[in-house]
């Protein structure tokens, strides 16, 4: 019999540059950069935030967990 995954869930991280309308950010092209990863629901009950590379912004920016 297979083992249960437990409290580990798959989440989606989305770049915050999508929501910004400032002219400071020079986008390479239009679009939304997203990553998928997993987290332990017991250890991190709140929303996850990581710094990752966005190919549309062409820089490292904050990625926030979305539903």
PDB file of N, CA and C in Angstrom:
ATOM      1  N   UNK A   1       0.822  -1.174   0.000  1.00  0.00           N
ATOM      2  CA  UNK A   1       0.000   0.000   0.000  1.00  0.00           C
ATOM      3  C   UNK A   1       0.874   1.249   0.000  1.00  0.00           C
ATOM      4  N   UNK A   2       0.455   2.296  -0.733  1.00  0.00           N
ATOM      5  CA  UNK A   2       1.225   3.523  -0.816  1.00  0.00           C
ATOM      6  C   UNK A   2       1.156   4.341   0.458  1.00  0.00           C
ATOM      7  N   UNK A   3       2.158   5.178   0.644  1.00  0.00           N
ATOM      8  CA  UNK A   3       2.223   6.004   1.832  1.00  0.00           C
ATOM      9  C   UNK A   3       1.474   7.313   1.587  1.00  0.00           C
ATOM     10  N   UNK A   4       0.780   7.800   2.599  1.00  0.00           N
ATOM     11  CA  UNK A   4       0.035   9.045   2.505  1.00  0.00           C
ATOM     12  C   UNK A   4       0.998  10.234   2.515  1.00  0.00           C
ATOM     13  N   UNK A   5       0.704  11.264   1.734  1.00  0.00           N
ATOM     14  CA  UNK A   5       1.555  12.452   1.665  1.00  0.00           C
ATOM     15  C   UNK A   5       1.487  13.267   2.946  1.00  0.00           C
ATOM     16  N   UNK A   6       0.429  13.134   3.721  1.00  0.00           N
ATOM     17  CA  UNK A   6       0.326  13.863   4.980  1.00  0.00           C
ATOM     18  C   UNK A   6      -0.134  15.290   4.766  1.00  0.00           C
ATOM     19  N   UNK A   7       0.566  16.217   5.416  1.00  0.00           N
ATOM     20  CA  UNK A   7       0.140  17.612   5.383  1.00  0.00           C
ATOM     21  C   UNK A   7       0.857  18.424   4.311  1.00  0.00           C
ATOM     22  N   UNK A   8       1.569  17.784   3.402  1.00  0.00           N
ATOM     23  CA  UNK A   8       2.286  18.498   2.341  1.00  0.00           C
ATOM     24  C   UNK A   8       1.334  18.773   1.181  1.00  0.00           C
ATOM     25  N   UNK A   9       1.276  20.057   0.757  1.00  0.00           N
ATOM     26  CA  UNK A   9       0.368  20.462  -0.317  1.00  0.00           C
ATOM     27  C   UNK A   9       1.152  21.174  -1.415  1.00  0.00           C
ATOM     28  N   UNK A  10       0.593  21.203  -2.617  1.00  0.00           N
ATOM     29  CA  UNK A  10       1.193  21.901  -3.750  1.00  0.00           C
ATOM     30  C   UNK A  10       0.631  23.313  -3.807  1.00  0.00           C
ATOM     31  N   UNK A  11       1.534  24.301  -3.953  1.00  0.00           N
ATOM     32  CA  UNK A  11       1.117  25.700  -4.008  1.00  0.00           C
ATOM     33  C   UNK A  11       1.663  26.346  -5.272  1.00  0.00           C
ATOM     34  N   UNK A  12       1.108  27.498  -5.631  1.00  0.00           N
ATOM     35  CA  UNK A  12       1.552  28.268  -6.784  1.00  0.00           C
ATOM     36  C   UNK A  12       2.076  29.610  -6.304  1.00  0.00           C
ATOM     37  N   UNK A  13       3.265  29.984  -6.773  1.00  0.00           N
ATOM     38  CA  UNK A  13       3.861  31.278  -6.450  1.00  0.00           C
ATOM     39  C   UNK A  13       3.776  32.170  -7.679  1.00  0.00           C
ATOM     40  N   UNK A  14       3.322  33.418  -7.480  1.00  0.00           N
ATOM     41  CA  UNK A  14       3.157  34.351  -8.593  1.00  0.00           C
ATOM     42  C   UNK A  14       3.962  35.612  -8.319  1.00  0.00           C
ATOM     43  N   UNK A  15       4.565  36.163  -9.367  1.00  0.00           N
ATOM     44  CA  UNK A  15       5.385  37.369  -9.255  1.00  0.00           C
ATOM     45  C   UNK A  15       4.504  38.557  -8.889  1.00  0.00           C
ATOM     46  N   UNK A  16       5.034  39.433  -8.030  1.00  0.00           N
ATOM     47  CA  UNK A  16       4.247  40.589  -7.628  1.00  0.00           C
ATOM     48  C   UNK A  16       4.317  41.727  -8.651  1.00  0.00           C
ATOM     49  N   UNK A  17       5.137  41.607  -9.671  1.00  0.00           N
ATOM     50  CA  UNK A  17       5.224  42.668 -10.681  1.00  0.00           C
ATOM     51  C   UNK A  17       3.946  42.747 -11.514  1.00  0.00           C
ATOM     52  N   UNK A  18       3.145  41.686 -11.501  1.00  0.00           N
ATOM     53  CA  UNK A  18       1.875  41.678 -12.224  1.00  0.00           C
ATOM     54  C   UNK A  18       0.950  42.765 -11.690  1.00  0.00           C
ATOM     55  N   UNK A  19       0.990  42.964 -10.361  1.00  0.00           N
ATOM     56  CA  UNK A  19       0.091  43.904  -9.725  1.00  0.00           C
ATOM     57  C   UNK A  19       0.607  45.335  -9.744  1.00  0.00           C
ATOM     58  N   UNK A  20       1.888  45.534  -9.982  1.00  0.00           N
ATOM     59  CA  UNK A  20       2.465  46.878  -9.978  1.00  0.00           C
ATOM     60  C   UNK A  20       2.190  47.586 -11.298  1.00  0.00           C
ATOM     61  N   UNK A  21       1.836  48.859 -11.211  1.00  0.00           N
ATOM     62  CA  UNK A  21       1.592  49.646 -12.415  1.00  0.00           C
ATOM     63  C   UNK A  21       2.585  50.801 -12.523  1.00  0.00           C
ATOM     64  N   UNK A  22       3.663  50.722 -11.749  1.00  0.00           N
ATOM     65  CA  UNK A  22       4.666  51.778 -11.776  1.00  0.00           C
ATOM     66  C   UNK A  22       5.489  51.683 -13.055  1.00  0.00           C
ATOM     67  N   UNK A  23       6.063  52.800 -13.461  1.00  0.00           N
ATOM     68  CA  UNK A  23       6.890  52.835 -14.664  1.00  0.00           C
ATOM     69  C   UNK A  23       8.324  52.439 -14.371  1.00  0.00           C
ATOM     70  N   UNK A  24       8.671  52.226 -13.095  1.00  0.00           N
ATOM     71  CA  UNK A  24      10.040  51.862 -12.738  1.00  0.00           C
ATOM     72  C   UNK A  24      10.445  50.514 -13.294  1.00  0.00           C
ATOM     73  N   UNK A  25       9.513  49.586 -13.366  1.00  0.00           N
ATOM     74  CA  UNK A  25       9.835  48.230 -13.799  1.00  0.00           C
ATOM     75  C   UNK A  25       9.864  48.172 -15.323  1.00  0.00           C
ATOM     76  N   UNK A  26      11.008  47.808 -15.861  1.00  0.00           N
ATOM     77  CA  UNK A  26      11.151  47.632 -17.304  1.00  0.00           C
ATOM     78  C   UNK A  26      10.895  46.173 -17.618  1.00  0.00           C
ATOM     79  N   UNK A  27       9.736  45.877 -18.169  1.00  0.00           N
ATOM     80  CA  UNK A  27       9.412  44.496 -18.494  1.00  0.00           C
ATOM     81  C   UNK A  27      10.033  44.113 -19.822  1.00  0.00           C
ATOM     82  N   UNK A  28      10.508  42.879 -19.898  1.00  0.00           N
ATOM     83  CA  UNK A  28      11.048  42.355 -21.141  1.00  0.00           C
ATOM     84  C   UNK A  28       9.895  42.054 -22.097  1.00  0.00           C
ATOM     85  N   UNK A  29       8.836  41.422 -21.561  1.00  0.00           N
ATOM     86  CA  UNK A  29       7.637  41.145 -22.333  1.00  0.00           C
ATOM     87  C   UNK A  29       6.467  41.013 -21.376  1.00  0.00           C
ATOM     88  N   UNK A  30       5.260  41.079 -21.874  1.00  0.00           N
ATOM     89  CA  UNK A  30       4.078  40.995 -21.032  1.00  0.00           C
ATOM     90  C   UNK A  30       3.791  39.551 -20.669  1.00  0.00           C
ATOM     91  N   UNK A  31       3.315  39.346 -19.452  1.00  0.00           N
ATOM     92  CA  UNK A  31       2.969  38.012 -19.001  1.00  0.00           C
ATOM     93  C   UNK A  31       3.061  37.913 -17.499  1.00  0.00           C
ATOM     94  N   UNK A  32       2.718  36.732 -16.982  1.00  0.00           N
ATOM     95  CA  UNK A  32       2.736  36.464 -15.555  1.00  0.00           C
ATOM     96  C   UNK A  32       3.670  35.288 -15.317  1.00  0.00           C
ATOM     97  N   UNK A  33       4.648  35.490 -14.458  1.00  0.00           N
ATOM     98  CA  UNK A  33       5.587  34.424 -14.133  1.00  0.00           C
ATOM     99  C   UNK A  33       5.076  33.669 -12.915  1.00  0.00           C
ATOM    100  N   UNK A  34       5.015  32.324 -13.005  1.00  0.00           N
ATOM    101  CA  UNK A  34       4.529  31.499 -11.907  1.00  0.00           C
ATOM    102  C   UNK A  34       5.439  30.292 -11.701  1.00  0.00           C
ATOM    103  N   UNK A  35       5.602  29.903 -10.448  1.00  0.00           N
ATOM    104  CA  UNK A  35       6.321  28.699 -10.064  1.00  0.00           C
ATOM    105  C   UNK A  35       5.386  27.831  -9.246  1.00  0.00           C
ATOM    106  N   UNK A  36       5.572  26.520  -9.293  1.00  0.00           N
ATOM    107  CA  UNK A  36       4.838  25.620  -8.400  1.00  0.00           C
ATOM    108  C   UNK A  36       5.842  24.932  -7.482  1.00  0.00           C
ATOM    109  N   UNK A  37       5.443  24.754  -6.241  1.00  0.00           N
ATOM    110  CA  UNK A  37       6.280  24.109  -5.246  1.00  0.00           C
ATOM    111  C   UNK A  37       5.363  23.472  -4.208  1.00  0.00           C
ATOM    112  N   UNK A  38       5.936  22.859  -3.206  1.00  0.00           N
ATOM    113  CA  UNK A  38       5.129  22.258  -2.145  1.00  0.00           C
ATOM    114  C   UNK A  38       5.586  22.798  -0.803  1.00  0.00           C
ATOM    115  N   UNK A  39       4.677  22.759   0.161  1.00  0.00           N
ATOM    116  CA  UNK A  39       5.012  23.211   1.504  1.00  0.00           C
ATOM    117  C   UNK A  39       4.292  22.337   2.517  1.00  0.00           C
ATOM    118  N   UNK A  40       4.808  22.329   3.722  1.00  0.00           N
ATOM    119  CA  UNK A  40       4.201  21.602   4.820  1.00  0.00           C
ATOM    120  C   UNK A  40       3.202  22.527   5.503  1.00  0.00           C
ATOM    121  N   UNK A  41       1.956  22.135   5.511  1.00  0.00           N
ATOM    122  CA  UNK A  41       0.891  22.986   6.056  1.00  0.00           C
ATOM    123  C   UNK A  41       1.027  23.175   7.560  1.00  0.00           C
ATOM    124  N   UNK A  42       1.584  22.185   8.265  1.00  0.00           N
ATOM    125  CA  UNK A  42       1.732  22.296   9.726  1.00  0.00           C
ATOM    126  C   UNK A  42       2.835  23.274  10.108  1.00  0.00           C
ATOM    127  N   UNK A  43       3.955  23.248   9.383  1.00  0.00           N
ATOM    128  CA  UNK A  43       5.090  24.108   9.729  1.00  0.00           C
ATOM    129  C   UNK A  43       4.904  25.541   9.257  1.00  0.00           C
ATOM    130  N   UNK A  44       4.269  25.745   8.110  1.00  0.00           N
ATOM    131  CA  UNK A  44       4.064  27.091   7.565  1.00  0.00           C
ATOM    132  C   UNK A  44       2.590  27.285   7.237  1.00  0.00           C
ATOM    133  N   UNK A  45       1.766  27.631   8.229  1.00  0.00           N
ATOM    134  CA  UNK A  45       0.334  27.795   7.971  1.00  0.00           C
ATOM    135  C   UNK A  45      -0.004  29.072   7.201  1.00  0.00           C
ATOM    136  N   UNK A  46       0.853  30.094   7.305  1.00  0.00           N
ATOM    137  CA  UNK A  46       0.576  31.346   6.592  1.00  0.00           C
ATOM    138  C   UNK A  46       1.108  31.270   5.159  1.00  0.00           C
ATOM    139  N   UNK A  47       0.814  32.298   4.373  1.00  0.00           N
ATOM    140  CA  UNK A  47       1.204  32.301   2.961  1.00  0.00           C
ATOM    141  C   UNK A  47       2.712  32.457   2.803  1.00  0.00           C
ATOM    142  N   UNK A  48       3.253  31.742   1.846  1.00  0.00           N
ATOM    143  CA  UNK A  48       4.687  31.708   1.602  1.00  0.00           C
ATOM    144  C   UNK A  48       5.095  32.853   0.678  1.00  0.00           C
ATOM    145  N   UNK A  49       6.289  33.396   0.904  1.00  0.00           N
ATOM    146  CA  UNK A  49       6.832  34.457   0.059  1.00  0.00           C
ATOM    147  C   UNK A  49       8.317  34.181  -0.149  1.00  0.00           C
ATOM    148  N   UNK A  50       8.737  34.110  -1.420  1.00  0.00           N
ATOM    149  CA  UNK A  50      10.131  33.806  -1.745  1.00  0.00           C
ATOM    150  C   UNK A  50      10.634  34.755  -2.816  1.00  0.00           C
ATOM    151  N   UNK A  51      11.964  34.940  -2.859  1.00  0.00           N
ATOM    152  CA  UNK A  51      12.585  35.712  -3.923  1.00  0.00           C
ATOM    153  C   UNK A  51      13.039  34.750  -5.005  1.00  0.00           C
ATOM    154  N   UNK A  52      12.553  34.963  -6.225  1.00  0.00           N
ATOM    155  CA  UNK A  52      12.911  34.108  -7.347  1.00  0.00           C
ATOM    156  C   UNK A  52      13.107  34.984  -8.584  1.00  0.00           C
ATOM    157  N   UNK A  53      13.624  34.382  -9.654  1.00  0.00           N
ATOM    158  CA  UNK A  53      13.862  35.123 -10.889  1.00  0.00           C
ATOM    159  C   UNK A  53      12.596  35.153 -11.730  1.00  0.00           C
ATOM    160  N   UNK A  54      12.219  36.343 -12.183  1.00  0.00           N
ATOM    161  CA  UNK A  54      11.064  36.525 -13.059  1.00  0.00           C
ATOM    162  C   UNK A  54      11.587  36.796 -14.459  1.00  0.00           C
ATOM    163  N   UNK A  55      11.239  35.932 -15.402  1.00  0.00           N
ATOM    164  CA  UNK A  55      11.751  36.101 -16.763  1.00  0.00           C
ATOM    165  C   UNK A  55      11.073  37.250 -17.494  1.00  0.00           C
ATOM    166  N   UNK A  56       9.932  37.713 -16.998  1.00  0.00           N
ATOM    167  CA  UNK A  56       9.252  38.838 -17.625  1.00  0.00           C
ATOM    168  C   UNK A  56       9.786  40.169 -17.122  1.00  0.00           C
ATOM    169  N   UNK A  57      10.166  40.250 -15.841  1.00  0.00           N
ATOM    170  CA  UNK A  57      10.776  41.466 -15.276  1.00  0.00           C
ATOM    171  C   UNK A  57      12.267  41.523 -15.560  1.00  0.00           C
ATOM    172  N   UNK A  58      12.864  40.355 -15.796  1.00  0.00           N
ATOM    173  CA  UNK A  58      14.301  40.213 -16.004  1.00  0.00           C
ATOM    174  C   UNK A  58      15.081  40.587 -14.747  1.00  0.00           C
ATOM    175  N   UNK A  59      14.538  40.236 -13.570  1.00  0.00           N
ATOM    176  CA  UNK A  59      15.226  40.492 -12.311  1.00  0.00           C
ATOM    177  C   UNK A  59      14.668  39.551 -11.238  1.00  0.00           C
ATOM    178  N   UNK A  60      15.328  39.520 -10.085  1.00  0.00           N
ATOM    179  CA  UNK A  60      14.836  38.761  -8.951  1.00  0.00           C
ATOM    180  C   UNK A  60      13.798  39.612  -8.227  1.00  0.00           C
ATOM    181  N   UNK A  61      12.637  39.047  -7.973  1.00  0.00           N
ATOM    182  CA  UNK A  61      11.578  39.767  -7.284  1.00  0.00           C
ATOM    183  C   UNK A  61      10.838  38.823  -6.352  1.00  0.00           C
ATOM    184  N   UNK A  62       9.963  39.384  -5.527  1.00  0.00           N
ATOM    185  CA  UNK A  62       9.210  38.583  -4.560  1.00  0.00           C
ATOM    186  C   UNK A  62       8.076  37.848  -5.250  1.00  0.00           C
ATOM    187  N   UNK A  63       7.955  36.579  -4.915  1.00  0.00           N
ATOM    188  CA  UNK A  63       6.870  35.752  -5.409  1.00  0.00           C
ATOM    189  C   UNK A  63       6.007  35.389  -4.210  1.00  0.00           C
ATOM    190  N   UNK A  64       4.685  35.610  -4.337  1.00  0.00           N
ATOM    191  CA  UNK A  64       3.770  35.350  -3.242  1.00  0.00           C
ATOM    192  C   UNK A  64       2.848  34.201  -3.591  1.00  0.00           C
ATOM    193  N   UNK A  65       2.435  33.483  -2.570  1.00  0.00           N
ATOM    194  CA  UNK A  65       1.544  32.331  -2.765  1.00  0.00           C
ATOM    195  C   UNK A  65       0.138  32.816  -3.121  1.00  0.00           C
ATOM    196  N   UNK A  66      -0.455  32.166  -4.128  1.00  0.00           N
ATOM    197  CA  UNK A  66      -1.822  32.468  -4.521  1.00  0.00           C
ATOM    198  C   UNK A  66      -2.670  31.229  -4.320  1.00  0.00           C
ATOM    199  N   UNK A  67      -3.978  31.402  -4.347  1.00  0.00           N
ATOM    200  CA  UNK A  67      -4.879  30.245  -4.177  1.00  0.00           C
ATOM    201  C   UNK A  67      -4.927  29.423  -5.420  1.00  0.00           C
TER     202      UNK A  67
END
